[in-house]
Full PDB file with SEQRES, HELIX, SHEET, SSBOND, CRYST1, ORIGX, SCALE, CONECT and MASTER records, all heavy atoms in Angstrom:
SEQRES   1 A   38  VAL TYR LEU GLN MET ASN SER LEU LYS PRO GLU ASP THR          
SEQRES   2 A   38  GLY VAL TYR TYR CYS ASN ALA ASP LEU ILE GLY LEU GLY          
SEQRES   3 A   38  GLY PHE ASN TYR THR ASP TYR TRP GLY GLN GLY THR              
HELIX    1 AA1 PRO A   10  ASP A   12  5                                   3    
HELIX    2 AA2 LEU A   25  GLY A   27  5                                   3    
SHEET    1 AA1 2 ASN A  19  ILE A  23  0                                        
SHEET    2 AA1 2 ASN A  29  TRP A  34 -1                                        
CRYST1    1.000    1.000    1.000  90.00  90.00  90.00 P 1           1          
ORIGX1      1.000000  0.000000  0.000000        0.00000                         
ORIGX2      0.000000  1.000000  0.000000        0.00000                         
ORIGX3      0.000000  0.000000  1.000000        0.00000                         
SCALE1      1.000000  0.000000  0.000000        0.00000                         
SCALE2      0.000000  1.000000  0.000000        0.00000                         
SCALE3      0.000000  0.000000  1.000000        0.00000                         
ATOM      1  N   VAL A   1      87.609 109.393  95.194  1.00  0.00           N  
ATOM      2  CA  VAL A   1      87.475 108.537  94.024  1.00  0.00           C  
ATOM      3  C   VAL A   1      87.860 107.123  94.430  1.00  0.00           C  
ATOM      4  O   VAL A   1      88.796 106.932  95.212  1.00  0.00           O  
ATOM      5  CB  VAL A   1      88.364 109.029  92.869  1.00  0.00           C  
ATOM      6  CG1 VAL A   1      88.351 108.027  91.718  1.00  0.00           C  
ATOM      7  CG2 VAL A   1      87.888 110.384  92.379  1.00  0.00           C  
ATOM      8  N   TYR A   2      87.146 106.150  93.888  1.00  0.00           N  
ATOM      9  CA  TYR A   2      87.388 104.762  94.236  1.00  0.00           C  
ATOM     10  C   TYR A   2      87.875 103.941  93.049  1.00  0.00           C  
ATOM     11  O   TYR A   2      87.639 104.285  91.896  1.00  0.00           O  
ATOM     12  CB  TYR A   2      86.104 104.112  94.760  1.00  0.00           C  
ATOM     13  CG  TYR A   2      85.490 104.809  95.947  1.00  0.00           C  
ATOM     14  CD1 TYR A   2      84.321 105.548  95.810  1.00  0.00           C  
ATOM     15  CD2 TYR A   2      86.076 104.722  97.207  1.00  0.00           C  
ATOM     16  CE1 TYR A   2      83.746 106.187  96.890  1.00  0.00           C  
ATOM     17  CE2 TYR A   2      85.512 105.364  98.293  1.00  0.00           C  
ATOM     18  CZ  TYR A   2      84.348 106.091  98.134  1.00  0.00           C  
ATOM     19  OH  TYR A   2      83.788 106.722  99.218  1.00  0.00           O  
ATOM     20  N   LEU A   3      88.538 102.859  93.363  1.00  0.00           N  
ATOM     21  CA  LEU A   3      88.889 101.870  92.358  1.00  0.00           C  
ATOM     22  C   LEU A   3      88.473 100.524  92.926  1.00  0.00           C  
ATOM     23  O   LEU A   3      89.121  99.994  93.835  1.00  0.00           O  
ATOM     24  CB  LEU A   3      90.388 101.868  92.049  1.00  0.00           C  
ATOM     25  CG  LEU A   3      90.812 100.874  90.959  1.00  0.00           C  
ATOM     26  CD1 LEU A   3      90.225 101.294  89.606  1.00  0.00           C  
ATOM     27  CD2 LEU A   3      92.326 100.775  90.861  1.00  0.00           C  
ATOM     28  N   GLN A   4      87.370  99.998  92.418  1.00  0.00           N  
ATOM     29  CA  GLN A   4      86.906  98.682  92.823  1.00  0.00           C  
ATOM     30  C   GLN A   4      87.658  97.650  92.003  1.00  0.00           C  
ATOM     31  O   GLN A   4      87.619  97.687  90.774  1.00  0.00           O  
ATOM     32  CB  GLN A   4      85.399  98.547  92.586  1.00  0.00           C  
ATOM     33  CG  GLN A   4      84.830  97.178  92.935  1.00  0.00           C  
ATOM     34  CD  GLN A   4      84.931  96.857  94.405  1.00  0.00           C  
ATOM     35  OE1 GLN A   4      84.534  97.661  95.245  1.00  0.00           O  
ATOM     36  NE2 GLN A   4      85.477  95.691  94.737  1.00  0.00           N  
ATOM     37  N   MET A   5      88.328  96.744  92.680  1.00  0.00           N  
ATOM     38  CA  MET A   5      89.152  95.741  92.030  1.00  0.00           C  
ATOM     39  C   MET A   5      88.603  94.355  92.335  1.00  0.00           C  
ATOM     40  O   MET A   5      88.593  93.924  93.484  1.00  0.00           O  
ATOM     41  CB  MET A   5      90.600  95.853  92.518  1.00  0.00           C  
ATOM     42  CG  MET A   5      91.161  97.269  92.422  1.00  0.00           C  
ATOM     43  SD  MET A   5      92.649  97.517  93.436  1.00  0.00           S  
ATOM     44  CE  MET A   5      93.832  96.506  92.546  1.00  0.00           C  
ATOM     45  N   ASN A   6      88.143  93.679  91.299  1.00  0.00           N  
ATOM     46  CA  ASN A   6      87.558  92.353  91.456  1.00  0.00           C  
ATOM     47  C   ASN A   6      88.372  91.304  90.711  1.00  0.00           C  
ATOM     48  O   ASN A   6      89.141  91.619  89.809  1.00  0.00           O  
ATOM     49  CB  ASN A   6      86.119  92.335  90.929  1.00  0.00           C  
ATOM     50  CG  ASN A   6      85.217  93.322  91.628  1.00  0.00           C  
ATOM     51  OD1 ASN A   6      85.235  93.430  92.853  1.00  0.00           O  
ATOM     52  ND2 ASN A   6      84.410  94.044  90.858  1.00  0.00           N  
ATOM     53  N   SER A   7      88.165  90.052  91.083  1.00  0.00           N  
ATOM     54  CA  SER A   7      88.854  88.934  90.443  1.00  0.00           C  
ATOM     55  C   SER A   7      90.348  89.201  90.328  1.00  0.00           C  
ATOM     56  O   SER A   7      90.948  89.053  89.262  1.00  0.00           O  
ATOM     57  CB  SER A   7      88.251  88.675  89.054  1.00  0.00           C  
ATOM     58  OG  SER A   7      86.870  88.389  89.142  1.00  0.00           O  
ATOM     59  N   LEU A   8      90.929  89.584  91.428  1.00  0.00           N  
ATOM     60  CA  LEU A   8      92.338  89.968  91.437  1.00  0.00           C  
ATOM     61  C   LEU A   8      93.260  88.819  91.058  1.00  0.00           C  
ATOM     62  O   LEU A   8      93.022  87.666  91.414  1.00  0.00           O  
ATOM     63  CB  LEU A   8      92.717  90.516  92.801  1.00  0.00           C  
ATOM     64  CG  LEU A   8      92.202  91.933  93.073  1.00  0.00           C  
ATOM     65  CD1 LEU A   8      92.263  92.250  94.563  1.00  0.00           C  
ATOM     66  CD2 LEU A   8      93.024  92.950  92.280  1.00  0.00           C  
ATOM     67  N   LYS A   9      94.311  89.174  90.345  1.00  0.00           N  
ATOM     68  CA  LYS A   9      95.319  88.228  89.893  1.00  0.00           C  
ATOM     69  C   LYS A   9      96.672  88.618  90.470  1.00  0.00           C  
ATOM     70  O   LYS A   9      96.893  89.779  90.801  1.00  0.00           O  
ATOM     71  CB  LYS A   9      95.414  88.238  88.365  1.00  0.00           C  
ATOM     72  CG  LYS A   9      94.116  87.989  87.633  1.00  0.00           C  
ATOM     73  CD  LYS A   9      94.311  88.156  86.130  1.00  0.00           C  
ATOM     74  CE  LYS A   9      93.017  87.924  85.380  1.00  0.00           C  
ATOM     75  NZ  LYS A   9      93.199  88.113  83.912  1.00  0.00           N  
ATOM     76  N   PRO A  10      97.591  87.677  90.585  1.00  0.00           N  
ATOM     77  CA  PRO A  10      98.931  88.024  91.076  1.00  0.00           C  
ATOM     78  C   PRO A  10      99.581  89.141  90.258  1.00  0.00           C  
ATOM     79  O   PRO A  10     100.344  89.939  90.813  1.00  0.00           O  
ATOM     80  CB  PRO A  10      99.699  86.705  90.932  1.00  0.00           C  
ATOM     81  CG  PRO A  10      98.654  85.662  91.130  1.00  0.00           C  
ATOM     82  CD  PRO A  10      97.446  86.217  90.411  1.00  0.00           C  
ATOM     83  N   GLU A  11      99.273  89.201  88.975  1.00  0.00           N  
ATOM     84  CA  GLU A  11      99.814  90.238  88.108  1.00  0.00           C  
ATOM     85  C   GLU A  11      99.337  91.639  88.485  1.00  0.00           C  
ATOM     86  O   GLU A  11      99.909  92.625  88.018  1.00  0.00           O  
ATOM     87  CB  GLU A  11      99.442  89.964  86.643  1.00  0.00           C  
ATOM     88  CG  GLU A  11      99.860  88.590  86.147  1.00  0.00           C  
ATOM     89  CD  GLU A  11      98.781  87.558  86.343  1.00  0.00           C  
ATOM     90  OE1 GLU A  11      97.909  87.437  85.460  1.00  0.00           O  
ATOM     91  OE2 GLU A  11      98.810  86.868  87.387  1.00  0.00           O  
ATOM     92  N   ASP A  12      98.291  91.726  89.299  1.00  0.00           N  
ATOM     93  CA  ASP A  12      97.777  93.016  89.739  1.00  0.00           C  
ATOM     94  C   ASP A  12      98.593  93.589  90.894  1.00  0.00           C  
ATOM     95  O   ASP A  12      98.366  94.727  91.305  1.00  0.00           O  
ATOM     96  CB  ASP A  12      96.319  92.899  90.176  1.00  0.00           C  
ATOM     97  CG  ASP A  12      95.391  92.543  89.026  1.00  0.00           C  
ATOM     98  OD1 ASP A  12      95.591  93.073  87.911  1.00  0.00           O  
ATOM     99  OD2 ASP A  12      94.463  91.737  89.246  1.00  0.00           O  
ATOM    100  N   THR A  13      99.504  92.820  91.413  1.00  0.00           N  
ATOM    101  CA  THR A  13     100.342  93.258  92.528  1.00  0.00           C  
ATOM    102  C   THR A  13     101.149  94.492  92.146  1.00  0.00           C  
ATOM    103  O   THR A  13     101.693  94.580  91.039  1.00  0.00           O  
ATOM    104  CB  THR A  13     101.297  92.136  92.956  1.00  0.00           C  
ATOM    105  OG1 THR A  13     100.543  91.063  93.521  1.00  0.00           O  
ATOM    106  CG2 THR A  13     102.299  92.628  93.992  1.00  0.00           C  
ATOM    107  N   GLY A  14     101.222  95.435  93.057  1.00  0.00           N  
ATOM    108  CA  GLY A  14     101.998  96.631  92.816  1.00  0.00           C  
ATOM    109  C   GLY A  14     101.575  97.765  93.728  1.00  0.00           C  
ATOM    110  O   GLY A  14     100.698  97.609  94.564  1.00  0.00           O  
ATOM    111  N   VAL A  15     102.219  98.891  93.546  1.00  0.00           N  
ATOM    112  CA  VAL A  15     101.851 100.085  94.285  1.00  0.00           C  
ATOM    113  C   VAL A  15     100.912 100.894  93.408  1.00  0.00           C  
ATOM    114  O   VAL A  15     101.242 101.202  92.262  1.00  0.00           O  
ATOM    115  CB  VAL A  15     103.085 100.933  94.657  1.00  0.00           C  
ATOM    116  CG1 VAL A  15     102.654 102.193  95.401  1.00  0.00           C  
ATOM    117  CG2 VAL A  15     104.053 100.118  95.503  1.00  0.00           C  
ATOM    118  N   TYR A  16      99.766 101.220  93.947  1.00  0.00           N  
ATOM    119  CA  TYR A  16      98.768 101.979  93.206  1.00  0.00           C  
ATOM    120  C   TYR A  16      98.792 103.438  93.639  1.00  0.00           C  
ATOM    121  O   TYR A  16      98.695 103.751  94.821  1.00  0.00           O  
ATOM    122  CB  TYR A  16      97.377 101.380  93.435  1.00  0.00           C  
ATOM    123  CG  TYR A  16      97.156 100.098  92.680  1.00  0.00           C  
ATOM    124  CD1 TYR A  16      97.799  98.925  93.074  1.00  0.00           C  
ATOM    125  CD2 TYR A  16      96.315 100.055  91.567  1.00  0.00           C  
ATOM    126  CE1 TYR A  16      97.625  97.744  92.371  1.00  0.00           C  
ATOM    127  CE2 TYR A  16      96.132  98.874  90.859  1.00  0.00           C  
ATOM    128  CZ  TYR A  16      96.790  97.721  91.263  1.00  0.00           C  
ATOM    129  OH  TYR A  16      96.605  96.546  90.568  1.00  0.00           O  
ATOM    130  N   TYR A  17      98.917 104.309  92.650  1.00  0.00           N  
ATOM    131  CA  TYR A  17      98.994 105.741  92.891  1.00  0.00           C  
ATOM    132  C   TYR A  17      97.787 106.460  92.310  1.00  0.00           C  
ATOM    133  O   TYR A  17      97.290 106.092  91.242  1.00  0.00           O  
ATOM    134  CB  TYR A  17     100.241 106.343  92.246  1.00  0.00           C  
ATOM    135  CG  TYR A  17     101.552 105.808  92.768  1.00  0.00           C  
ATOM    136  CD1 TYR A  17     102.147 104.695  92.201  1.00  0.00           C  
ATOM    137  CD2 TYR A  17     102.202 106.440  93.826  1.00  0.00           C  
ATOM    138  CE1 TYR A  17     103.361 104.208  92.667  1.00  0.00           C  
ATOM    139  CE2 TYR A  17     103.414 105.965  94.297  1.00  0.00           C  
ATOM    140  CZ  TYR A  17     103.987 104.851  93.711  1.00  0.00           C  
ATOM    141  OH  TYR A  17     105.184 104.379  94.175  1.00  0.00           O  
ATOM    142  N   CYS A  18      97.362 107.486  92.993  1.00  0.00           N  
ATOM    143  CA  CYS A  18      96.289 108.340  92.527  1.00  0.00           C  
ATOM    144  C   CYS A  18      96.890 109.640  92.009  1.00  0.00           C  
ATOM    145  O   CYS A  18      97.742 110.243  92.667  1.00  0.00           O  
ATOM    146  CB  CYS A  18      95.323 108.621  93.679  1.00  0.00           C  
ATOM    147  SG  CYS A  18      93.940 109.698  93.262  1.00  0.00           S  
ATOM    148  N   ASN A  19      96.472 110.045  90.826  1.00  0.00           N  
ATOM    149  CA  ASN A  19      96.892 111.314  90.246  1.00  0.00           C  
ATOM    150  C   ASN A  19      95.635 112.075  89.867  1.00  0.00           C  
ATOM    151  O   ASN A  19      94.763 111.527  89.197  1.00  0.00           O  
ATOM    152  CB  ASN A  19      97.762 111.080  89.011  1.00  0.00           C  
ATOM    153  CG  ASN A  19      98.151 112.374  88.323  1.00  0.00           C  
ATOM    154  OD1 ASN A  19      97.413 112.884  87.483  1.00  0.00           O  
ATOM    155  ND2 ASN A  19      99.311 112.902  88.681  1.00  0.00           N  
ATOM    156  N   ALA A  20      95.541 113.337  90.284  1.00  0.00           N  
ATOM    157  CA  ALA A  20      94.299 114.057  90.057  1.00  0.00           C  
ATOM    158  C   ALA A  20      94.464 115.533  89.788  1.00  0.00           C  
ATOM    159  O   ALA A  20      95.441 116.162  90.206  1.00  0.00           O  
ATOM    160  CB  ALA A  20      93.372 113.869  91.261  1.00  0.00           C  
ATOM    161  N   ASP A  21      93.473 116.069  89.088  1.00  0.00           N  
ATOM    162  CA  ASP A  21      93.303 117.504  88.944  1.00  0.00           C  
ATOM    163  C   ASP A  21      92.253 117.875  89.983  1.00  0.00           C  
ATOM    164  O   ASP A  21      91.209 117.227  90.071  1.00  0.00           O  
ATOM    165  CB  ASP A  21      92.802 117.875  87.554  1.00  0.00           C  
ATOM    166  CG  ASP A  21      93.831 117.604  86.478  1.00  0.00           C  
ATOM    167  OD1 ASP A  21      95.036 117.573  86.797  1.00  0.00           O  
ATOM    168  OD2 ASP A  21      93.430 117.425  85.309  1.00  0.00           O  
ATOM    169  N   LEU A  22      92.530 118.918  90.748  1.00  0.00           N  
ATOM    170  CA  LEU A  22      91.655 119.301  91.838  1.00  0.00           C  
ATOM    171  C   LEU A  22      91.050 120.683  91.637  1.00  0.00           C  
ATOM    172  O   LEU A  22      91.726 121.604  91.191  1.00  0.00           O  
ATOM    173  CB  LEU A  22      92.424 119.285  93.164  1.00  0.00           C  
ATOM    174  CG  LEU A  22      93.184 118.003  93.487  1.00  0.00           C  
ATOM    175  CD1 LEU A  22      94.021 118.193  94.747  1.00  0.00           C  
ATOM    176  CD2 LEU A  22      92.202 116.849  93.670  1.00  0.00           C  
ATOM    177  N   ILE A  23      89.776 120.799  91.983  1.00  0.00           N  
ATOM    178  CA  ILE A  23      89.097 122.084  91.946  1.00  0.00           C  
ATOM    179  C   ILE A  23      89.183 122.666  93.347  1.00  0.00           C  
ATOM    180  O   ILE A  23      88.612 122.118  94.290  1.00  0.00           O  
ATOM    181  CB  ILE A  23      87.628 121.935  91.519  1.00  0.00           C  
ATOM    182  CG1 ILE A  23      87.546 121.332  90.118  1.00  0.00           C  
ATOM    183  CG2 ILE A  23      86.928 123.296  91.555  1.00  0.00           C  
ATOM    184  CD1 ILE A  23      86.141 121.041  89.652  1.00  0.00           C  
ATOM    185  N   GLY A  24      89.896 123.765  93.477  1.00  0.00           N  
ATOM    186  CA  GLY A  24      90.100 124.356  94.785  1.00  0.00           C  
ATOM    187  C   GLY A  24      89.084 125.411  95.156  1.00  0.00           C  
ATOM    188  O   GLY A  24      88.242 125.815  94.349  1.00  0.00           O  
ATOM    189  N   LEU A  25      89.177 125.839  96.381  1.00  0.00           N  
ATOM    190  CA  LEU A  25      88.323 126.901  96.883  1.00  0.00           C  
ATOM    191  C   LEU A  25      88.924 128.257  96.530  1.00  0.00           C  
ATOM    192  O   LEU A  25      90.124 128.381  96.299  1.00  0.00           O  
ATOM    193  CB  LEU A  25      88.178 126.793  98.406  1.00  0.00           C  
ATOM    194  CG  LEU A  25      87.525 125.522  98.945  1.00  0.00           C  
ATOM    195  CD1 LEU A  25      87.603 125.504 100.457  1.00  0.00           C  
ATOM    196  CD2 LEU A  25      86.086 125.420  98.476  1.00  0.00           C  
ATOM    197  N   GLY A  26      88.090 129.253  96.480  1.00  0.00           N  
ATOM    198  CA  GLY A  26      88.567 130.599  96.206  1.00  0.00           C  
ATOM    199  C   GLY A  26      89.187 130.799  94.833  1.00  0.00           C  
ATOM    200  O   GLY A  26      90.029 131.681  94.662  1.00  0.00           O  
ATOM    201  N   GLY A  27      88.784 129.979  93.868  1.00  0.00           N  
ATOM    202  CA  GLY A  27      89.276 130.130  92.509  1.00  0.00           C  
ATOM    203  C   GLY A  27      90.604 129.457  92.213  1.00  0.00           C  
ATOM    204  O   GLY A  27      91.134 129.603  91.107  1.00  0.00           O  
ATOM    205  N   PHE A  28      91.144 128.736  93.176  1.00  0.00           N  
ATOM    206  CA  PHE A  28      92.409 128.034  92.969  1.00  0.00           C  
ATOM    207  C   PHE A  28      92.179 126.611  92.468  1.00  0.00           C  
ATOM    208  O   PHE A  28      91.321 125.898  92.985  1.00  0.00           O  
ATOM    209  CB  PHE A  28      93.218 127.997  94.268  1.00  0.00           C  
ATOM    210  CG  PHE A  28      93.645 129.344  94.759  1.00  0.00           C  
ATOM    211  CD1 PHE A  28      92.985 129.943  95.819  1.00  0.00           C  
ATOM    212  CD2 PHE A  28      94.705 130.011  94.165  1.00  0.00           C  
ATOM    213  CE1 PHE A  28      93.378 131.196  96.277  1.00  0.00           C  
ATOM    214  CE2 PHE A  28      95.112 131.264  94.615  1.00  0.00           C  
ATOM    215  CZ  PHE A  28      94.437 131.854  95.674  1.00  0.00           C  
ATOM    216  N   ASN A  29      92.959 126.208  91.478  1.00  0.00           N  
ATOM    217  CA  ASN A  29      92.902 124.847  90.959  1.00  0.00           C  
ATOM    218  C   ASN A  29      94.300 124.241  91.001  1.00  0.00           C  
ATOM    219  O   ASN A  29      95.306 124.946  90.927  1.00  0.00           O  
ATOM    220  CB  ASN A  29      92.371 124.828  89.531  1.00  0.00           C  
ATOM    221  CG  ASN A  29      90.922 125.252  89.446  1.00  0.00           C  
ATOM    222  OD1 ASN A  29      90.100 124.849  90.263  1.00  0.00           O  
ATOM    223  ND2 ASN A  29      90.598 126.063  88.453  1.00  0.00           N  
ATOM    224  N   TYR A  30      94.333 122.918  91.102  1.00  0.00           N  
ATOM    225  CA  TYR A  30      95.598 122.211  91.188  1.00  0.00           C  
ATOM    226  C   TYR A  30      95.589 121.054  90.205  1.00  0.00           C  
ATOM    227  O   TYR A  30      94.603 120.334  90.089  1.00  0.00           O  
ATOM    228  CB  TYR A  30      95.830 121.695  92.608  1.00  0.00           C  
ATOM    229  CG  TYR A  30      95.731 122.775  93.655  1.00  0.00           C  
ATOM    230  CD1 TYR A  30      94.502 123.112  94.213  1.00  0.00           C  
ATOM    231  CD2 TYR A  30      96.867 123.468  94.073  1.00  0.00           C  
ATOM    232  CE1 TYR A  30      94.405 124.120  95.165  1.00  0.00           C  
ATOM    233  CE2 TYR A  30      96.772 124.472  95.021  1.00  0.00           C  
ATOM    234  CZ  TYR A  30      95.545 124.795  95.564  1.00  0.00           C  
ATOM    235  OH  TYR A  30      95.458 125.794  96.501  1.00  0.00           O  
ATOM    236  N   THR A  31      96.693 120.883  89.505  1.00  0.00           N  
ATOM    237  CA  THR A  31      96.771 119.824  88.511  1.00  0.00           C  
ATOM    238  C   THR A  31      97.904 118.848  88.812  1.00  0.00           C  
ATOM    239  O   THR A  31      98.904 119.198  89.433  1.00  0.00           O  
ATOM    240  CB  THR A  31      96.986 120.404  87.106  1.00  0.00           C  
ATOM    241  OG1 THR A  31      98.202 121.162  87.072  1.00  0.00           O  
ATOM    242  CG2 THR A  31      95.825 121.306  86.722  1.00  0.00           C  
ATOM    243  N   ASP A  32      97.711 117.630  88.342  1.00  0.00           N  
ATOM    244  CA  ASP A  32      98.727 116.580  88.441  1.00  0.00           C  
ATOM    245  C   ASP A  32      99.274 116.359  89.851  1.00  0.00           C  
ATOM    246  O   ASP A  32     100.482 116.268  90.055  1.00  0.00           O  
ATOM    247  CB  ASP A  32      99.876 116.869  87.485  1.00  0.00           C  
ATOM    248  CG  ASP A  32      99.478 116.752  86.031  1.00  0.00           C  
ATOM    249  OD1 ASP A  32      98.651 115.862  85.713  1.00  0.00           O  
ATOM    250  OD2 ASP A  32      99.977 117.540  85.209  1.00  0.00           O  
ATOM    251  N   TYR A  33      98.374 116.281  90.800  1.00  0.00           N  
ATOM    252  CA  TYR A  33      98.761 115.954  92.162  1.00  0.00           C  
ATOM    253  C   TYR A  33      98.844 114.449  92.331  1.00  0.00           C  
ATOM    254  O   TYR A  33      97.951 113.712  91.893  1.00  0.00           O  
ATOM    255  CB  TYR A  33      97.756 116.534  93.159  1.00  0.00           C  
ATOM    256  CG  TYR A  33      98.236 117.792  93.837  1.00  0.00           C  
ATOM    257  CD1 TYR A  33      98.358 118.977  93.126  1.00  0.00           C  
ATOM    258  CD2 TYR A  33      98.573 117.778  95.190  1.00  0.00           C  
ATOM    259  CE1 TYR A  33      98.807 120.126  93.749  1.00  0.00           C  
ATOM    260  CE2 TYR A  33      99.020 118.936  95.820  1.00  0.00           C  
ATOM    261  CZ  TYR A  33      99.133 120.102  95.088  1.00  0.00           C  
ATOM    262  OH  TYR A  33      99.575 121.248  95.704  1.00  0.00           O  
ATOM    263  N   TRP A  34      99.916 113.999  92.955  1.00  0.00           N  
ATOM    264  CA  TRP A  34     100.138 112.578  93.199  1.00  0.00           C  
ATOM    265  C   TRP A  34     100.012 112.238  94.677  1.00  0.00           C  
ATOM    266  O   TRP A  34     100.470 112.989  95.536  1.00  0.00           O  
ATOM    267  CB  TRP A  34     101.532 112.149  92.746  1.00  0.00           C  
ATOM    268  CG  TRP A  34     101.722 112.102  91.268  1.00  0.00           C  
ATOM    269  CD1 TRP A  34     102.211 113.097  90.472  1.00  0.00           C  
ATOM    270  CD2 TRP A  34     101.445 110.990  90.408  1.00  0.00           C  
ATOM    271  NE1 TRP A  34     102.260 112.682  89.166  1.00  0.00           N  
ATOM    272  CE2 TRP A  34     101.800 111.391  89.094  1.00  0.00           C  
ATOM    273  CE3 TRP A  34     100.942 109.707  90.618  1.00  0.00           C  
ATOM    274  CZ2 TRP A  34     101.659 110.541  87.993  1.00  0.00           C  
ATOM    275  CZ3 TRP A  34     100.798 108.864  89.524  1.00  0.00           C  
ATOM    276  CH2 TRP A  34     101.156 109.289  88.229  1.00  0.00           C  
ATOM    277  N   GLY A  35      99.417 111.096  94.946  1.00  0.00           N  
ATOM    278  CA  GLY A  35      99.392 110.577  96.293  1.00  0.00           C  
ATOM    279  C   GLY A  35     100.662 109.778  96.516  1.00  0.00           C  
ATOM    280  O   GLY A  35     101.486 109.627  95.609  1.00  0.00           O  
ATOM    281  N   GLN A  36     100.836 109.253  97.711  1.00  0.00           N  
ATOM    282  CA  GLN A  36     102.040 108.500  98.043  1.00  0.00           C  
ATOM    283  C   GLN A  36     101.955 107.023  97.681  1.00  0.00           C  
ATOM    284  O   GLN A  36     102.951 106.316  97.738  1.00  0.00           O  
ATOM    285  CB  GLN A  36     102.355 108.644  99.536  1.00  0.00           C  
ATOM    286  CG  GLN A  36     102.762 110.056  99.933  1.00  0.00           C  
ATOM    287  CD  GLN A  36     103.976 110.530  99.181  1.00  0.00           C  
ATOM    288  OE1 GLN A  36     105.037 109.880  99.227  1.00  0.00           O  
ATOM    289  NE2 GLN A  36     103.859 111.648  98.483  1.00  0.00           N  
ATOM    290  N   GLY A  37     100.783 106.572  97.307  1.00  0.00           N  
ATOM    291  CA  GLY A  37     100.607 105.201  96.882  1.00  0.00           C  
ATOM    292  C   GLY A  37     100.158 104.267  97.992  1.00  0.00           C  
ATOM    293  O   GLY A  37     100.372 104.529  99.170  1.00  0.00           O  
ATOM    294  N   THR A  38      99.542 103.179  97.587  1.00  0.00           N  
ATOM    295  CA  THR A  38      99.115 102.151  98.525  1.00  0.00           C  
ATOM    296  C   THR A  38      99.456 100.789  97.928  1.00  0.00           C  
ATOM    297  O   THR A  38      99.235 100.549  96.747  1.00  0.00           O  
ATOM    298  CB  THR A  38      97.604 102.268  98.833  1.00  0.00           C  
ATOM    299  OG1 THR A  38      97.234 101.300  99.823  1.00  0.00           O  
ATOM    300  CG2 THR A  38      96.752 102.061  97.586  1.00  0.00           C  
TER     301      THR A  38                                                      
MASTER        0    0    0    2    2    0    0    6  300    1    0    3          
END                                                                             
């Protein structure tokens, strides 16, 4: 998944985290997974 960020402002500064529900293989699903941020 992407986040295209245009016309950036200083107020946009911060750590951006991804949180997702994932469809797994073999019938397994995962919810509310967090990345480490960028």
